[in-house]
Each structure stands twice: as C-alpha cells, then as structure tokens.
Amino acid sequence: MNIGIDIMGGDFAPGSIIGGAILARECLPVDTEIILVGNQDVIVRYSEEHQLDVSGFSIIHTLDSVGMEDHPLKAFKEKPRAGLFLGQRLLTDGSLDGFCSAGNTGAMMVGAMQIITSIPGIIRPAIAATIPNVEGTNSLLLDVGLNPDARPDVLYQYGSIGTIYSNLVHGIVEPAVALLNVGIEESKGNMVTRSAYQLMKESSTYNFIGNIEANEMFVSTRADVIVTDGFIGNIMLKQAEAFYKVVSRKKIGNGYFEMFNFENFGGAPVLGVNAPLVIGHGISNDKAIKNMLLHTVDVVGAGLVKRIKEEMKR
C-alpha cells in the first residue's frame, strides 16, 4: 500500500509532516510505504538540521506548494504541480492508494472535484468526522465543512454515504441515521430540514430514525450517523474542539475527554470521491499527522470508495 502526504500542507509544515510521517512509519507494516510529496531540498535540509531520518521514505519532488492563505481556485490554475494537487493526480493514475494533507482545505476540495472527481451518482461529496459519546461509542457527523448550503436531496444522500462508512469503519451492522435539527418533531426545522426529513423517512437504503437535537450529541447513543449541512457541522466540530480546550485548562482528568482531541483522529475522509482522500487540521502537530496517515491507511484498507461506488450503482 502506498500512502502519499503533502509535505508542505499545514501551519507547521514541513516539520510536523516529517515528524508525523516518522511516527506513523513505526506503526505501519513493512509493506505500507509513506511517500512524501513536495520539495526534496526542503525535506532534506530540514531533516539534516533536526537530525531526522528520512532515508526510508520515497520523495516525489515538486517546487510548488499551496499556502494556507492561497485562493483555492487561483492556486489550482496557477500551481498545477503543487504537492497538494500532484498527490491527487498520483491517486488518479494509480501511483498512490491514498493521499492526505493538512493543507488548504478549499484547495483540497477544488482538486478533489477537478482531478479525482465525484463518484457517479454522488450529488456533492462530504467531509465526515467521528463524534464520541460518554458510553464509549462513536457517531459519524457529516458534513463538517464542505457544503455550507446543502439541498434536501444532498442531505438525504449523506444518510447513505454515512451508513456505508459507519458499517465499514465503525463496524455497525445497521447504523441508525438521524437528521440534526432544532427539535425531534417531524414538523420542526427550516424549509431545508423539513424537506430532507420527508425524503429520509421514505428511504429504503438506510435506517432513518428521525430528528436529533444538539443536546443529545456526546451523551446519546441513539444515532450512529448524524446528518447536517457543512455550516452547522463545522460549527459543531469546532465546538467540540473548544470543549476539549476547556477541560484541558481546567485539568479535568478523564480519558473520555481525550476523545475530543483532534490529534487522536488526525484527519477526516472526503466521502463521495473516486479515491481515498483525507483532510487534516491546519494546526496539526506530529501526533495529528501520524494519526492522519494511519486513518488514511484504514480508509484504504476498508475499501470505502469501492463500497460507495457499488452502492451508488444499485
């Protein structure tokens, strides 16, 4: 298995990327190769200055990179050989089995839509995040940032995509799917959520259980998949990150709260595109990069893209 990573992606690149790749290499089987995509001179210079051993990595050299402040579409047009885009092209030609980056999210998504493209039948891809609850199990929340204004039919389809992911990655046989809303009653919500509810309740492809409110998240095991648009989903995700910072500063020692630490998950998969693609947090450190790489390996190993393609054909 060949897993590529954008060496210049993230606020602390290339240091956190190289450090995280070294940590991940120690956890992976020998037949899994991590490939660094980026400026070879930068990689060699940094590793020599910090006495890091990168001799076991393959490097695909390119001079260009996408900055966190770059405009996504402009970067795609002007920097086609940037590591963030080059890695996605290597995915499509089969040189890589999976690719990940903690770089510019907007640029990653432009590349995903233009280079990798959506799976036939997928209206809009989504970014999914794992949400822990006090019982020790996980729910899947999607979308968490890709589509801030999702239509009802898009939300309906997120139920299918989330069900497949929950089944393959979380091991849940028949995941319960809920729609995040301001009340559990069918009549609650805005025009989009009310319309989405009508579509979802008639679904024969997944187990829709109705609405779920935000005060059930983190404490309820009622839903395995929680569907919302990217605007609300991203706010919920950032709220969880803030919650972790609060308990850390208050020095509340409980292992449950560590499940809110994004470093332990590393990255979120883009669901609905034609190849395994994982996006990490821009502030990722070595530990987060390591876990982003490990999560990419899990997504590839689960055959997630193939399964979604099969489901869409049906």
C-alpha atoms as a PDB file:
ATOM      1  CA  MET A   1       0.000   0.000   0.000  1.00  0.00           C
ATOM      2  CA  ASN A   2       1.355   3.421  -0.987  1.00  0.00           C
ATOM      3  CA  ILE A   3       0.157   6.429   1.023  1.00  0.00           C
ATOM      4  CA  GLY A   4       1.107   9.922  -0.080  1.00  0.00           C
ATOM      5  CA  ILE A   5       1.224  13.049   2.059  1.00  0.00           C
ATOM      6  CA  ASP A   6       1.566  16.723   1.137  1.00  0.00           C
ATOM      7  CA  ILE A   7       4.842  17.744   2.766  1.00  0.00           C
ATOM      8  CA  MET A   8       4.023  21.470   2.771  1.00  0.00           C
ATOM      9  CA  GLY A   9       0.419  21.148   3.987  1.00  0.00           C
ATOM     10  CA  GLY A  10      -0.324  22.745   7.347  1.00  0.00           C
ATOM     11  CA  ASP A  11       0.702  25.621   9.590  1.00  0.00           C
ATOM     12  CA  PHE A  12       3.750  23.764  10.915  1.00  0.00           C
ATOM     13  CA  ALA A  13       4.990  22.217   7.673  1.00  0.00           C
ATOM     14  CA  PRO A  14       7.372  20.713   6.841  1.00  0.00           C
ATOM     15  CA  GLY A  15       8.412  19.890  10.409  1.00  0.00           C
ATOM     16  CA  SER A  16       5.160  18.404  11.674  1.00  0.00           C
ATOM     17  CA  ILE A  17       4.704  16.443   8.433  1.00  0.00           C
ATOM     18  CA  ILE A  18       8.147  14.870   8.535  1.00  0.00           C
ATOM     19  CA  GLY A  19       7.888  14.183  12.272  1.00  0.00           C
ATOM     20  CA  GLY A  20       4.422  12.686  11.908  1.00  0.00           C
ATOM     21  CA  ALA A  21       5.497  10.520   8.985  1.00  0.00           C
ATOM     22  CA  ILE A  22       8.372   9.131  11.052  1.00  0.00           C
ATOM     23  CA  LEU A  23       5.973   8.318  13.917  1.00  0.00           C
ATOM     24  CA  ALA A  24       3.493   6.673  11.532  1.00  0.00           C
ATOM     25  CA  ARG A  25       6.218   4.586   9.898  1.00  0.00           C
ATOM     26  CA  GLU A  26       6.935   2.989  13.274  1.00  0.00           C
ATOM     27  CA  CYS A  27       3.299   1.810  13.500  1.00  0.00           C
ATOM     28  CA  LEU A  28       2.762   0.525   9.980  1.00  0.00           C
ATOM     29  CA  PRO A  29       3.612  -2.873   8.457  1.00  0.00           C
ATOM     30  CA  VAL A  30       6.637  -3.054   6.208  1.00  0.00           C
ATOM     31  CA  ASP A  31       4.522  -3.386   3.058  1.00  0.00           C
ATOM     32  CA  THR A  32       2.950   0.045   3.643  1.00  0.00           C
ATOM     33  CA  GLU A  33       5.024   2.869   2.198  1.00  0.00           C
ATOM     34  CA  ILE A  34       4.680   6.555   3.035  1.00  0.00           C
ATOM     35  CA  ILE A  35       5.546   8.820   0.109  1.00  0.00           C
ATOM     36  CA  LEU A  36       6.430  12.460   0.742  1.00  0.00           C
ATOM     37  CA  VAL A  37       5.153  14.776  -1.981  1.00  0.00           C
ATOM     38  CA  GLY A  38       6.930  18.137  -2.038  1.00  0.00           C
ATOM     39  CA  ASN A  39      10.210  19.994  -2.378  1.00  0.00           C
ATOM     40  CA  GLN A  40      13.007  17.472  -1.895  1.00  0.00           C
ATOM     41  CA  ASP A  41      15.553  20.167  -1.000  1.00  0.00           C
ATOM     42  CA  VAL A  42      13.310  21.418   1.802  1.00  0.00           C
ATOM     43  CA  ILE A  43      12.783  17.887   3.097  1.00  0.00           C
ATOM     44  CA  VAL A  44      16.495  17.041   3.092  1.00  0.00           C
ATOM     45  CA  ARG A  45      17.552  20.361   4.592  1.00  0.00           C
ATOM     46  CA  TYR A  46      15.009  20.227   7.410  1.00  0.00           C
ATOM     47  CA  SER A  47      15.766  16.601   8.247  1.00  0.00           C
ATOM     48  CA  GLU A  48      19.505  17.288   8.372  1.00  0.00           C
ATOM     49  CA  GLU A  49      19.070  20.380  10.554  1.00  0.00           C
ATOM     50  CA  HIS A  50      16.899  18.455  13.017  1.00  0.00           C
ATOM     51  CA  GLN A  51      18.698  15.096  12.705  1.00  0.00           C
ATOM     52  CA  LEU A  52      15.662  13.244  11.392  1.00  0.00           C
ATOM     53  CA  ASP A  53      15.988  10.016   9.433  1.00  0.00           C
ATOM     54  CA  VAL A  54      14.020  10.234   6.183  1.00  0.00           C
ATOM     55  CA  SER A  55      16.058   7.621   4.356  1.00  0.00           C
ATOM     56  CA  GLY A  56      13.180   5.143   4.420  1.00  0.00           C
ATOM     57  CA  PHE A  57      10.761   7.455   2.592  1.00  0.00           C
ATOM     58  CA  SER A  58      10.236   7.872  -1.120  1.00  0.00           C
ATOM     59  CA  ILE A  59      10.091  11.507  -2.195  1.00  0.00           C
ATOM     60  CA  ILE A  60       8.207  12.854  -5.202  1.00  0.00           C
ATOM     61  CA  HIS A  61       9.775  16.230  -5.890  1.00  0.00           C
ATOM     62  CA  THR A  62       7.929  19.379  -6.843  1.00  0.00           C
ATOM     63  CA  LEU A  63       8.874  23.002  -6.261  1.00  0.00           C
ATOM     64  CA  ASP A  64       5.345  24.376  -5.949  1.00  0.00           C
ATOM     65  CA  SER A  65       3.152  24.345  -2.868  1.00  0.00           C
ATOM     66  CA  VAL A  66      -0.231  25.793  -1.865  1.00  0.00           C
ATOM     67  CA  GLY A  67      -0.204  28.155   1.098  1.00  0.00           C
ATOM     68  CA  MET A  68      -2.940  28.259   3.705  1.00  0.00           C
ATOM     69  CA  GLU A  69      -3.817  31.779   2.569  1.00  0.00           C
ATOM     70  CA  ASP A  70      -3.910  30.999  -1.164  1.00  0.00           C
ATOM     71  CA  HIS A  71      -7.201  31.294  -3.048  1.00  0.00           C
ATOM     72  CA  PRO A  72      -8.177  27.670  -3.864  1.00  0.00           C
ATOM     73  CA  LEU A  73      -9.280  28.087  -7.488  1.00  0.00           C
ATOM     74  CA  LYS A  74      -6.466  30.505  -8.325  1.00  0.00           C
ATOM     75  CA  ALA A  75      -3.926  28.101  -6.819  1.00  0.00           C
ATOM     76  CA  PHE A  76      -5.365  25.243  -8.871  1.00  0.00           C
ATOM     77  CA  LYS A  77      -4.953  27.223 -12.077  1.00  0.00           C
ATOM     78  CA  GLU A  78      -1.541  28.727 -11.324  1.00  0.00           C
ATOM     79  CA  LYS A  79       0.130  25.902  -9.364  1.00  0.00           C
ATOM     80  CA  PRO A  80      -0.937  22.650 -11.043  1.00  0.00           C
ATOM     81  CA  ARG A  81       2.271  20.931  -9.867  1.00  0.00           C
ATOM     82  CA  ALA A  82       1.859  21.924  -6.216  1.00  0.00           C
ATOM     83  CA  GLY A  83       2.214  18.943  -3.880  1.00  0.00           C
ATOM     84  CA  LEU A  84      -1.409  19.158  -2.787  1.00  0.00           C
ATOM     85  CA  PHE A  85      -2.621  18.764  -6.386  1.00  0.00           C
ATOM     86  CA  LEU A  86       0.175  16.488  -7.574  1.00  0.00           C
ATOM     87  CA  GLY A  87      -0.680  13.977  -4.853  1.00  0.00           C
ATOM     88  CA  GLN A  88      -4.256  13.828  -6.076  1.00  0.00           C
ATOM     89  CA  ARG A  89      -3.096  13.260  -9.655  1.00  0.00           C
ATOM     90  CA  LEU A  90      -0.914  10.401  -8.432  1.00  0.00           C
ATOM     91  CA  LEU A  91      -4.042   8.963  -6.826  1.00  0.00           C
ATOM     92  CA  THR A  92      -5.940   9.000 -10.090  1.00  0.00           C
ATOM     93  CA  ASP A  93      -3.147   7.342 -12.102  1.00  0.00           C
ATOM     94  CA  GLY A  94      -2.752   4.561  -9.517  1.00  0.00           C
ATOM     95  CA  SER A  95       0.685   5.554  -8.207  1.00  0.00           C
ATOM     96  CA  LEU A  96      -0.837   6.116  -4.761  1.00  0.00           C
ATOM     97  CA  ASP A  97      -3.512   4.129  -2.937  1.00  0.00           C
ATOM     98  CA  GLY A  98      -4.402   7.009  -0.623  1.00  0.00           C
ATOM     99  CA  PHE A  99      -3.443  10.649  -0.148  1.00  0.00           C
ATOM    100  CA  CYS A 100      -3.728  13.085   2.745  1.00  0.00           C
ATOM    101  CA  SER A 101      -2.932  16.709   3.533  1.00  0.00           C
ATOM    102  CA  ALA A 102      -3.315  19.156   6.409  1.00  0.00           C
ATOM    103  CA  GLY A 103      -3.085  21.999   3.926  1.00  0.00           C
ATOM    104  CA  ASN A 104      -5.551  24.436   2.395  1.00  0.00           C
ATOM    105  CA  THR A 105      -8.960  22.720   2.686  1.00  0.00           C
ATOM    106  CA  GLY A 106     -10.524  24.757  -0.090  1.00  0.00           C
ATOM    107  CA  ALA A 107      -7.707  23.838  -2.466  1.00  0.00           C
ATOM    108  CA  MET A 108      -8.000  20.192  -1.488  1.00  0.00           C
ATOM    109  CA  MET A 109     -11.669  20.260  -2.398  1.00  0.00           C
ATOM    110  CA  VAL A 110     -11.101  22.061  -5.705  1.00  0.00           C
ATOM    111  CA  GLY A 111      -8.546  19.380  -6.544  1.00  0.00           C
ATOM    112  CA  ALA A 112     -10.878  16.614  -5.423  1.00  0.00           C
ATOM    113  CA  MET A 113     -13.672  17.830  -7.683  1.00  0.00           C
ATOM    114  CA  GLN A 114     -11.456  18.640 -10.676  1.00  0.00           C
ATOM    115  CA  ILE A 115      -8.855  15.847 -10.505  1.00  0.00           C
ATOM    116  CA  ILE A 116     -10.331  12.904  -8.599  1.00  0.00           C
ATOM    117  CA  THR A 117     -13.980  13.810  -9.379  1.00  0.00           C
ATOM    118  CA  SER A 118     -17.139  12.609  -7.664  1.00  0.00           C
ATOM    119  CA  ILE A 119     -18.366   9.037  -7.775  1.00  0.00           C
ATOM    120  CA  PRO A 120     -21.149   8.771 -10.391  1.00  0.00           C
ATOM    121  CA  GLY A 121     -24.459   9.361  -8.652  1.00  0.00           C
ATOM    122  CA  ILE A 122     -22.990  11.452  -5.827  1.00  0.00           C
ATOM    123  CA  ILE A 123     -24.535  14.917  -5.847  1.00  0.00           C
ATOM    124  CA  ARG A 124     -21.973  16.501  -3.518  1.00  0.00           C
ATOM    125  CA  PRO A 125     -19.179  14.822  -1.522  1.00  0.00           C
ATOM    126  CA  ALA A 126     -18.944  15.385   2.227  1.00  0.00           C
ATOM    127  CA  ILE A 127     -16.336  15.548   4.955  1.00  0.00           C
ATOM    128  CA  ALA A 128     -17.136  13.221   7.840  1.00  0.00           C
ATOM    129  CA  ALA A 129     -15.966  13.431  11.454  1.00  0.00           C
ATOM    130  CA  THR A 130     -16.165  10.963  14.334  1.00  0.00           C
ATOM    131  CA  ILE A 131     -18.080  12.203  17.404  1.00  0.00           C
ATOM    132  CA  PRO A 132     -17.554  10.323  20.705  1.00  0.00           C
ATOM    133  CA  ASN A 133     -20.198   9.880  23.396  1.00  0.00           C
ATOM    134  CA  VAL A 134     -19.984   9.141  27.104  1.00  0.00           C
ATOM    135  CA  GLU A 135     -20.818   5.462  26.574  1.00  0.00           C
ATOM    136  CA  GLY A 136     -17.550   4.990  24.688  1.00  0.00           C
ATOM    137  CA  THR A 137     -19.030   4.543  21.218  1.00  0.00           C
ATOM    138  CA  ASN A 138     -18.750   6.820  18.197  1.00  0.00           C
ATOM    139  CA  SER A 139     -21.202   8.556  15.894  1.00  0.00           C
ATOM    140  CA  LEU A 140     -20.404   9.908  12.455  1.00  0.00           C
ATOM    141  CA  LEU A 141     -21.222  13.546  11.714  1.00  0.00           C
ATOM    142  CA  LEU A 142     -21.442  14.753   8.119  1.00  0.00           C
ATOM    143  CA  ASP A 143     -20.990  17.182   6.523  1.00  0.00           C
ATOM    144  CA  VAL A 144     -18.482  19.112   8.674  1.00  0.00           C
ATOM    145  CA  GLY A 145     -17.353  21.793   6.283  1.00  0.00           C
ATOM    146  CA  LEU A 146     -17.623  21.031   2.597  1.00  0.00           C
ATOM    147  CA  ASN A 147     -21.148  22.164   1.682  1.00  0.00           C
ATOM    148  CA  PRO A 148     -22.472  25.030   3.831  1.00  0.00           C
ATOM    149  CA  ASP A 149     -25.748  25.209   1.876  1.00  0.00           C
ATOM    150  CA  ALA A 150     -26.745  21.607   1.224  1.00  0.00           C
ATOM    151  CA  ARG A 151     -30.056  20.916  -0.518  1.00  0.00           C
ATOM    152  CA  PRO A 152     -32.541  18.368   0.878  1.00  0.00           C
ATOM    153  CA  ASP A 153     -31.539  15.733  -1.698  1.00  0.00           C
ATOM    154  CA  VAL A 154     -27.895  16.175  -0.703  1.00  0.00           C
ATOM    155  CA  LEU A 155     -28.747  15.685   2.984  1.00  0.00           C
ATOM    156  CA  TYR A 156     -30.758  12.607   2.032  1.00  0.00           C
ATOM    157  CA  GLN A 157     -27.742  11.160   0.237  1.00  0.00           C
ATOM    158  CA  TYR A 158     -25.473  11.881   3.196  1.00  0.00           C
ATOM    159  CA  GLY A 159     -27.536   9.293   5.051  1.00  0.00           C
ATOM    160  CA  SER A 160     -26.479   6.650   2.527  1.00  0.00           C
ATOM    161  CA  ILE A 161     -22.835   7.699   2.493  1.00  0.00           C
ATOM    162  CA  GLY A 162     -22.682   7.848   6.289  1.00  0.00           C
ATOM    163  CA  THR A 163     -24.324   4.436   6.609  1.00  0.00           C
ATOM    164  CA  ILE A 164     -21.673   2.839   4.396  1.00  0.00           C
ATOM    165  CA  TYR A 165     -18.839   4.478   6.341  1.00  0.00           C
ATOM    166  CA  SER A 166     -20.321   3.587   9.725  1.00  0.00           C
ATOM    167  CA  ASN A 167     -20.740  -0.012   8.635  1.00  0.00           C
ATOM    168  CA  LEU A 168     -17.237  -0.453   7.217  1.00  0.00           C
ATOM    169  CA  VAL A 169     -15.138   1.679   9.567  1.00  0.00           C
ATOM    170  CA  HIS A 170     -17.111   1.610  12.838  1.00  0.00           C
ATOM    171  CA  GLY A 171     -18.353  -1.947  12.309  1.00  0.00           C
ATOM    172  CA  ILE A 172     -22.053  -1.188  12.890  1.00  0.00           C
ATOM    173  CA  VAL A 173     -24.304  -3.626  11.040  1.00  0.00           C
ATOM    174  CA  GLU A 174     -27.377  -1.407  10.603  1.00  0.00           C
ATOM    175  CA  PRO A 175     -26.461   2.158  11.580  1.00  0.00           C
ATOM    176  CA  ALA A 176     -29.207   4.425  12.865  1.00  0.00           C
ATOM    177  CA  VAL A 177     -29.340   7.651  10.840  1.00  0.00           C
ATOM    178  CA  ALA A 178     -30.668  10.907  12.308  1.00  0.00           C
ATOM    179  CA  LEU A 179     -31.099  14.444  10.984  1.00  0.00           C
ATOM    180  CA  LEU A 180     -29.677  17.215  13.191  1.00  0.00           C
ATOM    181  CA  ASN A 181     -32.495  19.668  13.889  1.00  0.00           C
ATOM    182  CA  VAL A 182     -33.921  22.119  16.434  1.00  0.00           C
ATOM    183  CA  GLY A 183     -36.476  19.589  17.682  1.00  0.00           C
ATOM    184  CA  ILE A 184     -37.323  15.915  17.354  1.00  0.00           C
ATOM    185  CA  GLU A 185     -40.783  16.516  15.896  1.00  0.00           C
ATOM    186  CA  GLU A 186     -41.220  15.988  12.158  1.00  0.00           C
ATOM    187  CA  SER A 187     -42.615  19.486  11.714  1.00  0.00           C
ATOM    188  CA  LYS A 188     -39.595  21.239  13.286  1.00  0.00           C
ATOM    189  CA  GLY A 189     -36.791  22.997  11.455  1.00  0.00           C
ATOM    190  CA  ASN A 190     -36.371  25.240   8.441  1.00  0.00           C
ATOM    191  CA  MET A 191     -37.554  24.521   4.916  1.00  0.00           C
ATOM    192  CA  VAL A 192     -34.435  22.502   4.061  1.00  0.00           C
ATOM    193  CA  THR A 193     -34.533  20.194   7.106  1.00  0.00           C
ATOM    194  CA  ARG A 194     -38.287  19.661   6.843  1.00  0.00           C
ATOM    195  CA  SER A 195     -37.931  18.696   3.177  1.00  0.00           C
ATOM    196  CA  ALA A 196     -34.942  16.485   3.929  1.00  0.00           C
ATOM    197  CA  TYR A 197     -36.925  14.732   6.661  1.00  0.00           C
ATOM    198  CA  GLN A 198     -39.651  13.792   4.167  1.00  0.00           C
ATOM    199  CA  LEU A 199     -37.095  12.293   1.803  1.00  0.00           C
ATOM    200  CA  MET A 200     -35.177  10.459   4.522  1.00  0.00           C
ATOM    201  CA  LYS A 201     -38.202   8.887   6.200  1.00  0.00           C
ATOM    202  CA  GLU A 202     -39.108   7.217   2.904  1.00  0.00           C
ATOM    203  CA  SER A 203     -35.643   5.784   2.377  1.00  0.00           C
ATOM    204  CA  SER A 204     -35.297   2.053   1.889  1.00  0.00           C
ATOM    205  CA  THR A 205     -31.497   2.184   1.755  1.00  0.00           C
ATOM    206  CA  TYR A 206     -30.807   3.116   5.370  1.00  0.00           C
ATOM    207  CA  ASN A 207     -32.335   3.124   8.852  1.00  0.00           C
ATOM    208  CA  PHE A 208     -33.667   6.633   9.403  1.00  0.00           C
ATOM    209  CA  ILE A 209     -34.796   7.255  12.992  1.00  0.00           C
ATOM    210  CA  GLY A 210     -35.896  10.895  12.712  1.00  0.00           C
ATOM    211  CA  ASN A 211     -34.531  14.152  14.103  1.00  0.00           C
ATOM    212  CA  ILE A 212     -31.892  14.531  16.778  1.00  0.00           C
ATOM    213  CA  GLU A 213     -31.144  17.695  18.752  1.00  0.00           C
ATOM    214  CA  ALA A 214     -27.719  19.096  19.546  1.00  0.00           C
ATOM    215  CA  ASN A 215     -28.192  18.431  23.275  1.00  0.00           C
ATOM    216  CA  GLU A 216     -28.156  14.696  22.508  1.00  0.00           C
ATOM    217  CA  MET A 217     -24.752  14.800  20.890  1.00  0.00           C
ATOM    218  CA  PHE A 218     -21.887  13.469  23.036  1.00  0.00           C
ATOM    219  CA  VAL A 219     -24.340  11.884  25.515  1.00  0.00           C
ATOM    220  CA  SER A 220     -26.780   9.800  23.465  1.00  0.00           C
ATOM    221  CA  THR A 221     -26.198   6.536  21.623  1.00  0.00           C
ATOM    222  CA  ARG A 222     -29.448   6.881  19.676  1.00  0.00           C
ATOM    223  CA  ALA A 223     -27.825   7.794  16.350  1.00  0.00           C
ATOM    224  CA  ASP A 224     -24.807   6.227  14.659  1.00  0.00           C
ATOM    225  CA  VAL A 225     -24.889   8.677  11.739  1.00  0.00           C
ATOM    226  CA  ILE A 226     -25.871  12.330  12.184  1.00  0.00           C
ATOM    227  CA  VAL A 227     -26.662  14.294   9.021  1.00  0.00           C
ATOM    228  CA  THR A 228     -26.379  18.067   8.679  1.00  0.00           C
ATOM    229  CA  ASP A 229     -25.020  20.685   6.298  1.00  0.00           C
ATOM    230  CA  GLY A 230     -21.384  21.801   6.302  1.00  0.00           C
ATOM    231  CA  PHE A 231     -22.107  25.117   8.006  1.00  0.00           C
ATOM    232  CA  ILE A 232     -23.724  23.623  11.102  1.00  0.00           C
ATOM    233  CA  GLY A 233     -21.456  20.581  11.072  1.00  0.00           C
ATOM    234  CA  ASN A 234     -18.308  22.677  11.117  1.00  0.00           C
ATOM    235  CA  ILE A 235     -19.629  24.767  13.995  1.00  0.00           C
ATOM    236  CA  MET A 236     -20.394  21.582  15.967  1.00  0.00           C
ATOM    237  CA  LEU A 237     -16.925  20.227  15.271  1.00  0.00           C
ATOM    238  CA  LYS A 238     -15.221  23.455  16.364  1.00  0.00           C
ATOM    239  CA  GLN A 239     -17.406  23.493  19.483  1.00  0.00           C
ATOM    240  CA  ALA A 240     -16.124  20.030  20.366  1.00  0.00           C
ATOM    241  CA  GLU A 241     -12.546  21.281  19.962  1.00  0.00           C
ATOM    242  CA  ALA A 242     -13.310  24.212  22.278  1.00  0.00           C
ATOM    243  CA  PHE A 243     -14.839  21.803  24.809  1.00  0.00           C
ATOM    244  CA  TYR A 244     -11.575  19.850  24.864  1.00  0.00           C
ATOM    245  CA  LYS A 245      -9.574  23.046  25.453  1.00  0.00           C
ATOM    246  CA  VAL A 246     -11.806  23.969  28.399  1.00  0.00           C
ATOM    247  CA  VAL A 247     -11.430  20.642  30.206  1.00  0.00           C
ATOM    248  CA  SER A 248      -7.684  20.633  29.479  1.00  0.00           C
ATOM    249  CA  ARG A 249      -7.214  24.075  31.003  1.00  0.00           C
ATOM    250  CA  LYS A 250      -9.337  23.093  33.995  1.00  0.00           C
ATOM    251  CA  LYS A 251      -7.147  19.975  34.313  1.00  0.00           C
ATOM    252  CA  ILE A 252     -10.117  17.614  34.369  1.00  0.00           C
ATOM    253  CA  GLY A 253      -8.519  14.192  34.236  1.00  0.00           C
ATOM    254  CA  ASN A 254     -10.809  11.759  32.481  1.00  0.00           C
ATOM    255  CA  GLY A 255      -9.957   9.592  29.483  1.00  0.00           C
ATOM    256  CA  TYR A 256     -13.277  10.378  27.836  1.00  0.00           C
ATOM    257  CA  PHE A 257     -12.258  13.945  27.143  1.00  0.00           C
ATOM    258  CA  GLU A 258      -9.206  12.795  25.190  1.00  0.00           C
ATOM    259  CA  MET A 259     -11.619  11.563  22.539  1.00  0.00           C
ATOM    260  CA  PHE A 260     -12.319  15.220  21.749  1.00  0.00           C
ATOM    261  CA  ASN A 261      -8.660  15.853  20.985  1.00  0.00           C
ATOM    262  CA  PHE A 262      -8.439  16.133  17.198  1.00  0.00           C
ATOM    263  CA  GLU A 263      -4.827  14.952  17.398  1.00  0.00           C
ATOM    264  CA  ASN A 264      -6.067  11.445  18.186  1.00  0.00           C
ATOM    265  CA  PHE A 265      -8.064  11.249  14.941  1.00  0.00           C
ATOM    266  CA  GLY A 266      -5.733  13.208  12.695  1.00  0.00           C
ATOM    267  CA  GLY A 267      -7.994  13.714   9.718  1.00  0.00           C
ATOM    268  CA  ALA A 268     -11.414  13.341   8.169  1.00  0.00           C
ATOM    269  CA  PRO A 269     -12.138  11.444   4.948  1.00  0.00           C
ATOM    270  CA  VAL A 270     -13.757  13.043   1.936  1.00  0.00           C
ATOM    271  CA  LEU A 271     -16.687  10.751   1.186  1.00  0.00           C
ATOM    272  CA  GLY A 272     -18.084  10.521  -2.326  1.00  0.00           C
ATOM    273  CA  VAL A 273     -14.986  10.997  -4.487  1.00  0.00           C
ATOM    274  CA  ASN A 274     -13.302   8.366  -6.658  1.00  0.00           C
ATOM    275  CA  ALA A 275     -10.220   7.768  -4.495  1.00  0.00           C
ATOM    276  CA  PRO A 276      -9.287   7.716  -0.770  1.00  0.00           C
ATOM    277  CA  LEU A 277      -8.617  11.309   0.282  1.00  0.00           C
ATOM    278  CA  VAL A 278      -8.190  12.514   3.885  1.00  0.00           C
ATOM    279  CA  ILE A 279      -8.047  16.116   5.110  1.00  0.00           C
ATOM    280  CA  GLY A 280      -6.274  17.097   8.326  1.00  0.00           C
ATOM    281  CA  HIS A 281      -6.489  20.142  10.591  1.00  0.00           C
ATOM    282  CA  GLY A 282      -4.259  23.056   9.578  1.00  0.00           C
ATOM    283  CA  ILE A 283      -2.750  23.263  13.069  1.00  0.00           C
ATOM    284  CA  SER A 284      -1.778  19.582  13.088  1.00  0.00           C
ATOM    285  CA  ASN A 285       1.340  18.650  15.059  1.00  0.00           C
ATOM    286  CA  ASP A 286       3.450  15.496  14.704  1.00  0.00           C
ATOM    287  CA  LYS A 287       0.939  13.341  16.574  1.00  0.00           C
ATOM    288  CA  ALA A 288      -2.013  14.549  14.496  1.00  0.00           C
ATOM    289  CA  ILE A 289      -0.103  13.964  11.250  1.00  0.00           C
ATOM    290  CA  LYS A 290       0.768  10.443  12.381  1.00  0.00           C
ATOM    291  CA  ASN A 291      -2.880   9.671  13.059  1.00  0.00           C
ATOM    292  CA  MET A 292      -3.979  11.262   9.784  1.00  0.00           C
ATOM    293  CA  LEU A 293      -1.664   8.861   7.955  1.00  0.00           C
ATOM    294  CA  LEU A 294      -2.896   5.885   9.980  1.00  0.00           C
ATOM    295  CA  HIS A 295      -6.513   6.873   9.321  1.00  0.00           C
ATOM    296  CA  THR A 296      -5.770   7.109   5.597  1.00  0.00           C
ATOM    297  CA  VAL A 297      -4.434   3.563   5.726  1.00  0.00           C
ATOM    298  CA  ASP A 298      -7.644   2.441   7.475  1.00  0.00           C
ATOM    299  CA  VAL A 299      -9.838   4.127   4.842  1.00  0.00           C
ATOM    300  CA  VAL A 300      -7.895   2.446   2.033  1.00  0.00           C
ATOM    301  CA  GLY A 301      -7.955  -0.921   3.783  1.00  0.00           C
ATOM    302  CA  ALA A 302     -11.701  -0.744   4.385  1.00  0.00           C
ATOM    303  CA  GLY A 303     -12.370  -0.428   0.656  1.00  0.00           C
ATOM    304  CA  LEU A 304     -14.613   2.529   1.394  1.00  0.00           C
ATOM    305  CA  VAL A 305     -14.507   4.103  -2.079  1.00  0.00           C
ATOM    306  CA  LYS A 306     -15.293   0.800  -3.790  1.00  0.00           C
ATOM    307  CA  ARG A 307     -18.216   0.163  -1.460  1.00  0.00           C
ATOM    308  CA  ILE A 308     -19.721   3.608  -2.052  1.00  0.00           C
ATOM    309  CA  LYS A 309     -19.375   3.090  -5.812  1.00  0.00           C
ATOM    310  CA  GLU A 310     -21.189  -0.250  -5.568  1.00  0.00           C
ATOM    311  CA  GLU A 311     -23.954   1.323  -3.501  1.00  0.00           C
ATOM    312  CA  MET A 312     -24.402   4.138  -5.981  1.00  0.00           C
ATOM    313  CA  LYS A 313     -24.724   1.663  -8.852  1.00  0.00           C
ATOM    314  CA  ARG A 314     -27.581  -0.024  -7.024  1.00  0.00           C
END
